[in-house]
Amino acid sequence: MELKYDIYKLRNSQGTGEERSYVRIVQHEPMSENDLRERIQDRCSLTKGDVAAVLAELHDIAVEEMSNGRRFYIPELGYFSLSASLEVPKERSDKKITGKEVRIAGINFRPESKLMQEIRRGVSFVRSKRSSQSATYTGEQLFAKIQDYLKDNRYITARIMRFQFGLTQYATQKWLKFFCEKGMLVKDGTPRLPIYFLRQ
């Protein structure tokens, strides 16, 4: 199966002045719980109800095991374990650390080597035609594009900006906020469907 990937470049990585490239696999929507039940039902003698019961018990046992400080193992998949972090207030940074400052940060997963080998055997990679990273503009460059668009259109929206100028949702919201704060754009419409105009 072909997996699509995208290349990201970070300038001045780690303060060295170098540009480093990173690869990210383009992820699809995850399988739904119902899809998983149906797939398992089709492959064995369990019904969807049986599968739902097994998954519910799997969840409860995972909570119990990791809450007791044990790794949780699923045969042929791998190990789940908790990771921790410290949350020490600045005013107490010189004090002794106690259990009150320790928090659960997340759950680590270490796959079985056999699982990784099986996945690697069936995978090849192809460069994604559409990038999931935001195009890079200066404020002047992007505002000029917005002005050009508004010569022929009454208003612009966040959705239009994303598709017209190759921006991510985060970058779009950041730029719209910036242009509004600078008084270059005026926000109107509704909270759910805001529209933006050039300031007259």
N, C-alpha and C. Protein backbone atom coordinates (compact mmCIF):
# COMPACT_ATOMS: atom_id res chain seq x y z
N MET A 1 0.84 -1.19 0.00
CA MET A 1 0.00 0.00 0.00
C MET A 1 0.88 1.25 0.00
N GLU A 2 0.47 2.26 -0.76
CA GLU A 2 1.23 3.51 -0.82
C GLU A 2 0.78 4.46 0.28
N LEU A 3 1.74 4.99 1.01
CA LEU A 3 1.47 6.01 2.02
C LEU A 3 1.99 7.35 1.50
N LYS A 4 1.17 8.38 1.62
CA LYS A 4 1.60 9.70 1.19
C LYS A 4 2.36 10.39 2.32
N TYR A 5 3.38 11.17 1.91
CA TYR A 5 4.16 11.90 2.91
C TYR A 5 4.37 13.34 2.45
N ASP A 6 4.71 14.17 3.41
CA ASP A 6 5.01 15.57 3.14
C ASP A 6 6.34 15.90 3.80
N ILE A 7 7.09 16.82 3.20
CA ILE A 7 8.39 17.24 3.74
C ILE A 7 8.26 18.63 4.36
N TYR A 8 8.74 18.76 5.57
CA TYR A 8 8.73 20.04 6.28
C TYR A 8 10.17 20.51 6.43
N LYS A 9 10.36 21.79 6.28
CA LYS A 9 11.70 22.37 6.46
C LYS A 9 11.65 23.37 7.61
N LEU A 10 12.59 23.23 8.54
CA LEU A 10 12.71 24.17 9.66
C LEU A 10 13.99 24.96 9.49
N ARG A 11 13.84 26.28 9.42
CA ARG A 11 15.01 27.13 9.30
C ARG A 11 15.58 27.41 10.69
N ASN A 12 16.89 27.60 10.75
CA ASN A 12 17.59 27.88 12.00
C ASN A 12 17.26 26.83 13.06
N SER A 13 17.26 25.57 12.65
CA SER A 13 16.94 24.49 13.57
C SER A 13 17.93 24.42 14.72
N GLN A 14 17.42 24.39 15.91
CA GLN A 14 18.22 24.29 17.15
C GLN A 14 19.23 25.42 17.27
N GLY A 15 18.94 26.56 16.64
CA GLY A 15 19.79 27.73 16.77
C GLY A 15 21.12 27.63 16.05
N THR A 16 21.27 26.67 15.14
CA THR A 16 22.55 26.47 14.45
C THR A 16 22.62 27.23 13.12
N GLY A 17 21.49 27.79 12.69
CA GLY A 17 21.46 28.47 11.41
C GLY A 17 21.21 27.54 10.24
N GLU A 18 21.15 26.23 10.50
CA GLU A 18 20.94 25.25 9.44
C GLU A 18 19.45 25.07 9.17
N GLU A 19 19.15 24.59 7.98
CA GLU A 19 17.79 24.22 7.62
C GLU A 19 17.72 22.70 7.62
N ARG A 20 16.77 22.17 8.38
CA ARG A 20 16.63 20.72 8.46
C ARG A 20 15.30 20.29 7.88
N SER A 21 15.29 19.12 7.27
CA SER A 21 14.07 18.60 6.67
C SER A 21 13.50 17.48 7.54
N TYR A 22 12.18 17.48 7.65
CA TYR A 22 11.47 16.45 8.40
C TYR A 22 10.37 15.87 7.51
N VAL A 23 10.10 14.60 7.70
CA VAL A 23 9.05 13.96 6.92
C VAL A 23 7.86 13.67 7.84
N ARG A 24 6.65 13.85 7.30
CA ARG A 24 5.43 13.54 8.04
C ARG A 24 4.50 12.76 7.14
N ILE A 25 4.00 11.65 7.65
CA ILE A 25 3.04 10.84 6.89
C ILE A 25 1.68 11.53 6.92
N VAL A 26 1.04 11.61 5.77
CA VAL A 26 -0.31 12.20 5.69
C VAL A 26 -1.30 11.17 6.22
N GLN A 27 -1.93 11.50 7.34
CA GLN A 27 -2.84 10.55 8.00
C GLN A 27 -4.25 10.69 7.46
N HIS A 28 -4.93 9.55 7.32
CA HIS A 28 -6.34 9.54 6.94
C HIS A 28 -7.20 9.50 8.19
N GLU A 29 -8.50 9.65 8.01
CA GLU A 29 -9.42 9.55 9.14
C GLU A 29 -9.32 8.16 9.77
N PRO A 30 -9.34 8.08 11.10
CA PRO A 30 -9.24 6.76 11.73
C PRO A 30 -10.50 5.93 11.52
N MET A 31 -10.36 4.64 11.62
CA MET A 31 -11.49 3.73 11.54
C MET A 31 -12.43 4.00 12.71
N SER A 32 -13.71 3.99 12.46
CA SER A 32 -14.67 4.21 13.54
C SER A 32 -14.81 2.94 14.38
N GLU A 33 -15.36 3.10 15.57
CA GLU A 33 -15.55 1.95 16.45
C GLU A 33 -16.47 0.92 15.78
N ASN A 34 -17.51 1.40 15.13
CA ASN A 34 -18.44 0.48 14.46
C ASN A 34 -17.77 -0.26 13.31
N ASP A 35 -16.92 0.46 12.54
CA ASP A 35 -16.19 -0.19 11.45
C ASP A 35 -15.28 -1.31 11.99
N LEU A 36 -14.63 -1.02 13.13
CA LEU A 36 -13.74 -2.02 13.73
C LEU A 36 -14.53 -3.25 14.15
N ARG A 37 -15.68 -3.04 14.77
CA ARG A 37 -16.52 -4.18 15.17
C ARG A 37 -16.92 -5.03 13.97
N GLU A 38 -17.32 -4.35 12.90
CA GLU A 38 -17.75 -5.07 11.70
C GLU A 38 -16.61 -5.85 11.06
N ARG A 39 -15.43 -5.23 11.02
CA ARG A 39 -14.27 -5.90 10.41
C ARG A 39 -13.91 -7.17 11.18
N ILE A 40 -13.93 -7.07 12.52
CA ILE A 40 -13.60 -8.25 13.33
C ILE A 40 -14.68 -9.31 13.19
N GLN A 41 -15.95 -8.89 13.20
CA GLN A 41 -17.06 -9.84 13.03
C GLN A 41 -16.93 -10.60 11.72
N ASP A 42 -16.52 -9.91 10.64
CA ASP A 42 -16.39 -10.54 9.33
C ASP A 42 -15.24 -11.54 9.27
N ARG A 43 -14.28 -11.43 10.19
CA ARG A 43 -13.08 -12.26 10.12
C ARG A 43 -13.10 -13.44 11.10
N CYS A 44 -14.08 -13.49 12.00
CA CYS A 44 -14.11 -14.59 12.97
C CYS A 44 -15.55 -14.88 13.37
N SER A 45 -15.72 -15.70 14.39
CA SER A 45 -17.07 -16.13 14.80
C SER A 45 -17.71 -15.17 15.80
N LEU A 46 -17.02 -14.12 16.19
CA LEU A 46 -17.59 -13.17 17.15
C LEU A 46 -18.63 -12.28 16.47
N THR A 47 -19.67 -11.92 17.22
CA THR A 47 -20.64 -10.95 16.72
C THR A 47 -20.16 -9.55 17.07
N LYS A 48 -20.82 -8.53 16.51
CA LYS A 48 -20.46 -7.15 16.84
C LYS A 48 -20.63 -6.89 18.33
N GLY A 49 -21.66 -7.50 18.94
CA GLY A 49 -21.88 -7.35 20.38
C GLY A 49 -20.74 -7.97 21.18
N ASP A 50 -20.25 -9.15 20.74
CA ASP A 50 -19.12 -9.79 21.41
C ASP A 50 -17.88 -8.90 21.33
N VAL A 51 -17.64 -8.34 20.15
CA VAL A 51 -16.46 -7.48 19.96
C VAL A 51 -16.55 -6.25 20.86
N ALA A 52 -17.74 -5.65 20.94
CA ALA A 52 -17.94 -4.47 21.79
C ALA A 52 -17.62 -4.81 23.24
N ALA A 53 -18.06 -5.99 23.70
CA ALA A 53 -17.80 -6.41 25.08
C ALA A 53 -16.31 -6.60 25.32
N VAL A 54 -15.61 -7.22 24.36
CA VAL A 54 -14.17 -7.44 24.50
C VAL A 54 -13.43 -6.11 24.56
N LEU A 55 -13.80 -5.16 23.68
CA LEU A 55 -13.13 -3.86 23.67
C LEU A 55 -13.37 -3.10 24.96
N ALA A 56 -14.59 -3.21 25.52
CA ALA A 56 -14.89 -2.54 26.79
C ALA A 56 -14.04 -3.12 27.91
N GLU A 57 -13.90 -4.45 27.95
CA GLU A 57 -13.07 -5.08 28.98
C GLU A 57 -11.60 -4.74 28.80
N LEU A 58 -11.16 -4.67 27.53
CA LEU A 58 -9.78 -4.30 27.24
C LEU A 58 -9.47 -2.92 27.80
N HIS A 59 -10.41 -1.99 27.60
CA HIS A 59 -10.26 -0.63 28.13
C HIS A 59 -10.14 -0.66 29.65
N ASP A 60 -11.05 -1.37 30.32
CA ASP A 60 -11.06 -1.39 31.79
C ASP A 60 -9.79 -2.02 32.35
N ILE A 61 -9.31 -3.09 31.71
CA ILE A 61 -8.09 -3.74 32.18
C ILE A 61 -6.88 -2.83 31.96
N ALA A 62 -6.85 -2.11 30.84
CA ALA A 62 -5.74 -1.18 30.57
C ALA A 62 -5.69 -0.10 31.63
N VAL A 63 -6.84 0.46 31.99
CA VAL A 63 -6.90 1.49 33.03
C VAL A 63 -6.40 0.92 34.36
N GLU A 64 -6.86 -0.26 34.70
CA GLU A 64 -6.48 -0.90 35.97
C GLU A 64 -4.98 -1.18 36.02
N GLU A 65 -4.44 -1.76 34.96
CA GLU A 65 -3.03 -2.13 34.95
C GLU A 65 -2.12 -0.90 35.02
N MET A 66 -2.39 0.09 34.16
CA MET A 66 -1.51 1.26 34.15
C MET A 66 -1.67 2.11 35.41
N SER A 67 -2.88 2.11 35.99
CA SER A 67 -3.09 2.83 37.26
C SER A 67 -2.30 2.18 38.39
N ASN A 68 -1.97 0.90 38.24
CA ASN A 68 -1.17 0.19 39.23
C ASN A 68 0.32 0.21 38.89
N GLY A 69 0.69 1.02 37.89
CA GLY A 69 2.10 1.18 37.57
C GLY A 69 2.68 0.08 36.70
N ARG A 70 1.83 -0.69 36.06
CA ARG A 70 2.33 -1.75 35.19
C ARG A 70 2.17 -1.37 33.73
N ARG A 71 3.04 -1.90 32.90
CA ARG A 71 2.85 -1.76 31.46
C ARG A 71 1.69 -2.64 31.05
N PHE A 72 0.98 -2.22 30.01
CA PHE A 72 -0.16 -2.99 29.52
C PHE A 72 0.21 -3.58 28.18
N TYR A 73 0.12 -4.90 28.08
CA TYR A 73 0.57 -5.61 26.89
C TYR A 73 -0.61 -6.20 26.12
N ILE A 74 -0.65 -5.94 24.81
CA ILE A 74 -1.60 -6.59 23.93
C ILE A 74 -0.80 -7.49 23.00
N PRO A 75 -0.99 -8.80 23.08
CA PRO A 75 -0.19 -9.72 22.26
C PRO A 75 -0.23 -9.36 20.78
N GLU A 76 0.95 -9.44 20.17
CA GLU A 76 1.17 -9.18 18.74
C GLU A 76 1.04 -7.70 18.36
N LEU A 77 0.70 -6.84 19.31
CA LEU A 77 0.67 -5.40 19.06
C LEU A 77 1.81 -4.71 19.78
N GLY A 78 1.82 -4.75 21.12
CA GLY A 78 2.91 -4.12 21.84
C GLY A 78 2.52 -3.70 23.24
N TYR A 79 3.36 -2.81 23.82
CA TYR A 79 3.24 -2.40 25.21
C TYR A 79 2.82 -0.94 25.33
N PHE A 80 1.90 -0.67 26.24
CA PHE A 80 1.49 0.68 26.58
C PHE A 80 2.01 0.98 27.99
N SER A 81 2.56 2.18 28.18
CA SER A 81 3.05 2.56 29.50
C SER A 81 2.86 4.06 29.70
N LEU A 82 2.76 4.47 30.95
CA LEU A 82 2.53 5.88 31.27
C LEU A 82 3.84 6.67 31.21
N SER A 83 3.74 7.93 30.83
CA SER A 83 4.87 8.86 30.93
C SER A 83 4.46 9.98 31.88
N ALA A 84 5.43 10.55 32.57
CA ALA A 84 5.14 11.57 33.59
C ALA A 84 5.91 12.85 33.30
N SER A 85 5.43 13.94 33.90
CA SER A 85 6.12 15.23 33.77
C SER A 85 6.03 15.96 35.11
N LEU A 86 6.84 17.00 35.24
CA LEU A 86 6.84 17.81 36.46
C LEU A 86 6.16 19.14 36.19
N GLU A 87 5.33 19.58 37.12
CA GLU A 87 4.73 20.91 37.06
C GLU A 87 5.08 21.63 38.35
N VAL A 88 6.24 22.30 38.32
CA VAL A 88 6.74 23.00 39.50
C VAL A 88 6.54 24.49 39.31
N PRO A 89 5.76 25.16 40.17
CA PRO A 89 5.58 26.61 40.07
C PRO A 89 6.92 27.33 40.19
N LYS A 90 7.08 28.43 39.45
CA LYS A 90 8.35 29.18 39.48
C LYS A 90 8.73 29.59 40.89
N GLU A 91 7.73 29.97 41.68
CA GLU A 91 8.04 30.43 43.04
C GLU A 91 8.51 29.30 43.95
N ARG A 92 8.33 28.04 43.49
CA ARG A 92 8.76 26.89 44.29
C ARG A 92 9.87 26.11 43.61
N SER A 93 10.53 26.71 42.61
CA SER A 93 11.52 25.97 41.83
C SER A 93 12.71 25.50 42.65
N ASP A 94 12.98 26.16 43.80
CA ASP A 94 14.12 25.77 44.63
C ASP A 94 13.70 24.84 45.77
N LYS A 95 12.42 24.52 45.84
CA LYS A 95 11.93 23.65 46.92
C LYS A 95 12.04 22.19 46.51
N LYS A 96 11.92 21.32 47.52
CA LYS A 96 11.97 19.87 47.27
C LYS A 96 10.75 19.43 46.48
N ILE A 97 10.99 18.61 45.46
CA ILE A 97 9.90 18.11 44.63
C ILE A 97 9.20 16.95 45.34
N THR A 98 7.87 17.02 45.37
CA THR A 98 7.07 15.95 45.98
C THR A 98 6.14 15.37 44.92
N GLY A 99 5.35 14.39 45.32
CA GLY A 99 4.42 13.76 44.40
C GLY A 99 3.35 14.70 43.89
N LYS A 100 3.13 15.82 44.59
CA LYS A 100 2.11 16.78 44.16
C LYS A 100 2.48 17.48 42.86
N GLU A 101 3.78 17.50 42.55
CA GLU A 101 4.23 18.18 41.32
C GLU A 101 4.34 17.23 40.13
N VAL A 102 4.10 15.95 40.34
CA VAL A 102 4.22 14.97 39.25
C VAL A 102 2.85 14.77 38.60
N ARG A 103 2.82 14.80 37.28
CA ARG A 103 1.58 14.64 36.52
C ARG A 103 1.76 13.55 35.46
N ILE A 104 0.66 12.90 35.10
CA ILE A 104 0.69 11.97 33.96
C ILE A 104 0.69 12.81 32.69
N ALA A 105 1.72 12.63 31.87
CA ALA A 105 1.87 13.44 30.65
C ALA A 105 1.24 12.77 29.44
N GLY A 106 1.22 11.46 29.43
CA GLY A 106 0.67 10.77 28.26
C GLY A 106 0.88 9.27 28.37
N ILE A 107 0.63 8.58 27.28
CA ILE A 107 0.80 7.13 27.21
C ILE A 107 1.76 6.80 26.07
N ASN A 108 2.82 6.08 26.39
CA ASN A 108 3.78 5.64 25.38
C ASN A 108 3.35 4.29 24.82
N PHE A 109 3.71 4.06 23.57
CA PHE A 109 3.44 2.77 22.95
C PHE A 109 4.71 2.24 22.32
N ARG A 110 5.09 1.02 22.70
CA ARG A 110 6.25 0.36 22.07
C ARG A 110 5.75 -0.87 21.33
N PRO A 111 5.74 -0.78 19.98
CA PRO A 111 5.20 -1.90 19.20
C PRO A 111 6.11 -3.12 19.23
N GLU A 112 5.49 -4.26 19.03
CA GLU A 112 6.25 -5.50 18.86
C GLU A 112 7.08 -5.39 17.59
N SER A 113 8.29 -5.91 17.59
CA SER A 113 9.14 -5.85 16.41
C SER A 113 8.50 -6.58 15.23
N LYS A 114 7.78 -7.67 15.50
CA LYS A 114 7.12 -8.42 14.43
C LYS A 114 6.05 -7.57 13.76
N LEU A 115 5.33 -6.78 14.56
CA LEU A 115 4.30 -5.89 14.01
C LEU A 115 4.93 -4.89 13.05
N MET A 116 6.04 -4.28 13.46
CA MET A 116 6.73 -3.31 12.62
C MET A 116 7.22 -3.94 11.32
N GLN A 117 7.76 -5.15 11.42
CA GLN A 117 8.26 -5.85 10.23
C GLN A 117 7.13 -6.11 9.23
N GLU A 118 5.96 -6.53 9.74
CA GLU A 118 4.83 -6.83 8.86
C GLU A 118 4.32 -5.57 8.17
N ILE A 119 4.28 -4.46 8.90
CA ILE A 119 3.81 -3.20 8.31
C ILE A 119 4.81 -2.71 7.26
N ARG A 120 6.10 -2.77 7.60
CA ARG A 120 7.13 -2.29 6.66
C ARG A 120 7.10 -3.06 5.35
N ARG A 121 6.82 -4.36 5.42
CA ARG A 121 6.81 -5.19 4.21
C ARG A 121 5.73 -4.75 3.23
N GLY A 122 4.62 -4.24 3.73
CA GLY A 122 3.51 -3.92 2.85
C GLY A 122 3.36 -2.45 2.51
N VAL A 123 4.39 -1.65 2.80
CA VAL A 123 4.25 -0.20 2.63
C VAL A 123 5.30 0.36 1.68
N SER A 124 4.87 1.29 0.82
CA SER A 124 5.80 2.10 0.03
C SER A 124 5.34 3.55 0.17
N PHE A 125 6.19 4.50 -0.20
CA PHE A 125 5.90 5.90 0.02
C PHE A 125 5.85 6.69 -1.27
N VAL A 126 4.93 7.65 -1.33
CA VAL A 126 4.81 8.54 -2.48
C VAL A 126 4.58 9.95 -1.96
N ARG A 127 5.23 10.92 -2.58
CA ARG A 127 5.12 12.32 -2.14
C ARG A 127 3.71 12.84 -2.35
N SER A 128 3.14 13.48 -1.34
CA SER A 128 1.80 14.04 -1.44
C SER A 128 1.80 15.23 -2.39
N LYS A 129 0.78 15.30 -3.25
CA LYS A 129 0.67 16.43 -4.18
C LYS A 129 0.21 17.69 -3.47
N ARG A 130 -0.59 17.51 -2.42
CA ARG A 130 -1.07 18.66 -1.66
C ARG A 130 -0.36 18.71 -0.33
N SER A 131 0.27 19.82 -0.02
CA SER A 131 0.99 19.97 1.23
C SER A 131 0.04 20.32 2.35
N SER A 132 0.29 19.77 3.54
CA SER A 132 -0.52 20.10 4.70
C SER A 132 0.11 21.22 5.52
N GLN A 133 1.23 21.77 5.03
CA GLN A 133 1.84 22.88 5.73
C GLN A 133 1.47 24.20 5.07
N SER A 134 1.59 25.25 5.84
CA SER A 134 1.14 26.56 5.36
C SER A 134 2.17 27.19 4.45
N ALA A 135 1.67 27.86 3.40
CA ALA A 135 2.56 28.65 2.55
C ALA A 135 3.13 29.81 3.38
N THR A 136 4.33 30.25 3.05
CA THR A 136 4.99 31.31 3.82
C THR A 136 4.88 32.64 3.11
N TYR A 137 4.37 33.64 3.82
CA TYR A 137 4.22 34.99 3.30
C TYR A 137 4.73 35.99 4.31
N THR A 138 5.15 37.16 3.81
CA THR A 138 5.30 38.31 4.69
C THR A 138 3.91 38.94 4.79
N GLY A 139 3.72 39.82 5.77
CA GLY A 139 2.44 40.49 5.90
C GLY A 139 2.08 41.27 4.64
N GLU A 140 3.07 41.93 4.05
CA GLU A 140 2.83 42.72 2.83
C GLU A 140 2.40 41.84 1.67
N GLN A 141 3.06 40.70 1.51
CA GLN A 141 2.75 39.79 0.40
C GLN A 141 1.32 39.25 0.52
N LEU A 142 0.96 38.80 1.73
CA LEU A 142 -0.36 38.22 1.91
C LEU A 142 -1.45 39.27 1.79
N PHE A 143 -1.22 40.47 2.34
CA PHE A 143 -2.24 41.51 2.26
C PHE A 143 -2.46 41.95 0.82
N ALA A 144 -1.39 41.95 0.03
CA ALA A 144 -1.53 42.29 -1.39
C ALA A 144 -2.42 41.26 -2.10
N LYS A 145 -2.28 39.99 -1.75
CA LYS A 145 -3.13 38.96 -2.34
C LYS A 145 -4.59 39.14 -1.92
N ILE A 146 -4.79 39.50 -0.65
CA ILE A 146 -6.15 39.75 -0.16
C ILE A 146 -6.77 40.93 -0.91
N GLN A 147 -5.99 41.99 -1.09
CA GLN A 147 -6.48 43.16 -1.81
C GLN A 147 -6.86 42.81 -3.25
N ASP A 148 -6.04 41.99 -3.90
CA ASP A 148 -6.34 41.57 -5.27
C ASP A 148 -7.65 40.78 -5.31
N TYR A 149 -7.82 39.89 -4.33
CA TYR A 149 -9.04 39.09 -4.30
C TYR A 149 -10.27 39.98 -4.09
N LEU A 150 -10.15 40.99 -3.22
CA LEU A 150 -11.28 41.85 -2.90
C LEU A 150 -11.58 42.90 -3.97
N LYS A 151 -10.76 42.97 -5.00
CA LYS A 151 -11.10 43.85 -6.14
C LYS A 151 -12.31 43.29 -6.89
N ASP A 152 -12.44 41.96 -6.89
CA ASP A 152 -13.53 41.32 -7.63
C ASP A 152 -14.57 40.66 -6.73
N ASN A 153 -14.37 40.72 -5.43
CA ASN A 153 -15.28 40.07 -4.49
C ASN A 153 -15.59 41.01 -3.33
N ARG A 154 -16.82 40.91 -2.80
CA ARG A 154 -17.25 41.83 -1.74
C ARG A 154 -16.53 41.58 -0.42
N TYR A 155 -16.23 40.33 -0.11
CA TYR A 155 -15.62 40.00 1.18
C TYR A 155 -14.77 38.75 1.02
N ILE A 156 -14.03 38.43 2.09
CA ILE A 156 -13.22 37.21 2.11
C ILE A 156 -13.50 36.48 3.42
N THR A 157 -13.38 35.17 3.41
CA THR A 157 -13.57 34.37 4.61
C THR A 157 -12.30 33.56 4.90
N ALA A 158 -12.27 32.97 6.10
CA ALA A 158 -11.12 32.13 6.46
C ALA A 158 -11.00 30.94 5.50
N ARG A 159 -12.13 30.35 5.13
CA ARG A 159 -12.11 29.20 4.23
C ARG A 159 -11.53 29.58 2.86
N ILE A 160 -11.96 30.74 2.36
CA ILE A 160 -11.45 31.20 1.06
C ILE A 160 -9.95 31.43 1.14
N MET A 161 -9.49 32.04 2.24
CA MET A 161 -8.04 32.29 2.39
C MET A 161 -7.25 30.99 2.38
N ARG A 162 -7.78 29.97 3.08
CA ARG A 162 -7.05 28.70 3.14
C ARG A 162 -6.87 28.11 1.75
N PHE A 163 -7.94 28.10 0.97
CA PHE A 163 -7.87 27.46 -0.36
C PHE A 163 -7.20 28.34 -1.41
N GLN A 164 -7.40 29.65 -1.33
CA GLN A 164 -6.82 30.55 -2.33
C GLN A 164 -5.31 30.72 -2.13
N PHE A 165 -4.88 30.77 -0.86
CA PHE A 165 -3.48 31.14 -0.59
C PHE A 165 -2.66 30.02 0.04
N GLY A 166 -3.21 28.82 0.15
CA GLY A 166 -2.44 27.68 0.65
C GLY A 166 -2.05 27.77 2.11
N LEU A 167 -2.97 28.27 2.95
CA LEU A 167 -2.69 28.43 4.37
C LEU A 167 -3.36 27.33 5.19
N THR A 168 -2.78 27.00 6.34
CA THR A 168 -3.44 26.10 7.27
C THR A 168 -4.48 26.90 8.04
N GLN A 169 -5.35 26.19 8.74
CA GLN A 169 -6.39 26.86 9.52
C GLN A 169 -5.76 27.75 10.59
N TYR A 170 -4.70 27.24 11.25
CA TYR A 170 -4.04 28.02 12.30
C TYR A 170 -3.42 29.30 11.72
N ALA A 171 -2.71 29.18 10.60
CA ALA A 171 -2.06 30.35 10.00
C ALA A 171 -3.11 31.36 9.52
N THR A 172 -4.23 30.87 8.97
CA THR A 172 -5.29 31.76 8.51
C THR A 172 -5.84 32.59 9.65
N GLN A 173 -6.16 31.94 10.76
CA GLN A 173 -6.71 32.67 11.91
C GLN A 173 -5.70 33.67 12.47
N LYS A 174 -4.43 33.28 12.47
CA LYS A 174 -3.38 34.18 12.97
C LYS A 174 -3.28 35.43 12.10
N TRP A 175 -3.29 35.25 10.77
CA TRP A 175 -3.18 36.40 9.87
C TRP A 175 -4.43 37.28 9.92
N LEU A 176 -5.61 36.69 9.98
CA LEU A 176 -6.83 37.49 10.05
C LEU A 176 -6.87 38.34 11.32
N LYS A 177 -6.46 37.75 12.43
CA LYS A 177 -6.40 38.50 13.69
C LYS A 177 -5.40 39.64 13.58
N PHE A 178 -4.26 39.37 12.96
CA PHE A 178 -3.21 40.38 12.80
C PHE A 178 -3.72 41.56 11.95
N PHE A 179 -4.34 41.24 10.80
CA PHE A 179 -4.81 42.31 9.92
C PHE A 179 -5.96 43.11 10.55
N CYS A 180 -6.79 42.47 11.33
CA CYS A 180 -7.87 43.19 12.02
C CYS A 180 -7.30 44.10 13.11
N GLU A 181 -6.32 43.60 13.86
CA GLU A 181 -5.71 44.41 14.93
C GLU A 181 -4.97 45.61 14.36
N LYS A 182 -4.42 45.45 13.16
CA LYS A 182 -3.71 46.54 12.50
C LYS A 182 -4.67 47.52 11.81
N GLY A 183 -5.95 47.18 11.82
CA GLY A 183 -6.94 48.06 11.18
C GLY A 183 -6.96 47.96 9.67
N MET A 184 -6.40 46.89 9.12
CA MET A 184 -6.35 46.72 7.67
C MET A 184 -7.60 46.00 7.15
N LEU A 185 -8.17 45.13 8.00
CA LEU A 185 -9.41 44.43 7.67
C LEU A 185 -10.44 44.70 8.76
N VAL A 186 -11.71 44.60 8.39
CA VAL A 186 -12.81 44.74 9.33
C VAL A 186 -13.59 43.44 9.36
N LYS A 187 -13.85 42.95 10.57
CA LYS A 187 -14.57 41.69 10.74
C LYS A 187 -16.06 41.96 10.87
N ASP A 188 -16.87 41.16 10.18
CA ASP A 188 -18.33 41.30 10.24
C ASP A 188 -18.93 39.90 10.15
N GLY A 189 -20.23 39.82 9.90
CA GLY A 189 -20.88 38.52 9.81
C GLY A 189 -21.32 38.03 11.17
N THR A 190 -21.32 36.70 11.36
CA THR A 190 -21.73 36.09 12.63
C THR A 190 -20.53 35.40 13.27
N PRO A 191 -20.62 35.08 14.59
CA PRO A 191 -19.50 34.38 15.24
C PRO A 191 -19.15 33.06 14.54
N ARG A 192 -20.16 32.36 14.01
CA ARG A 192 -19.90 31.09 13.34
C ARG A 192 -19.44 31.25 11.90
N LEU A 193 -19.87 32.34 11.27
CA LEU A 193 -19.50 32.59 9.86
C LEU A 193 -19.02 34.04 9.69
N PRO A 194 -17.83 34.34 10.22
CA PRO A 194 -17.33 35.70 10.08
C PRO A 194 -16.87 35.97 8.65
N ILE A 195 -17.03 37.21 8.20
CA ILE A 195 -16.54 37.64 6.90
C ILE A 195 -15.68 38.89 7.12
N TYR A 196 -14.81 39.16 6.18
CA TYR A 196 -13.83 40.24 6.35
C TYR A 196 -13.84 41.17 5.13
N PHE A 197 -13.76 42.48 5.43
CA PHE A 197 -13.75 43.52 4.40
C PHE A 197 -12.48 44.34 4.54
N LEU A 198 -12.10 45.02 3.48
CA LEU A 198 -11.06 46.04 3.56
C LEU A 198 -11.60 47.23 4.32
N ARG A 199 -10.80 47.81 5.19
CA ARG A 199 -11.24 49.02 5.89
C ARG A 199 -11.28 50.17 4.89
N GLN A 200 -12.40 50.89 4.88
CA GLN A 200 -12.56 52.02 3.94
C GLN A 200 -11.80 53.24 4.41
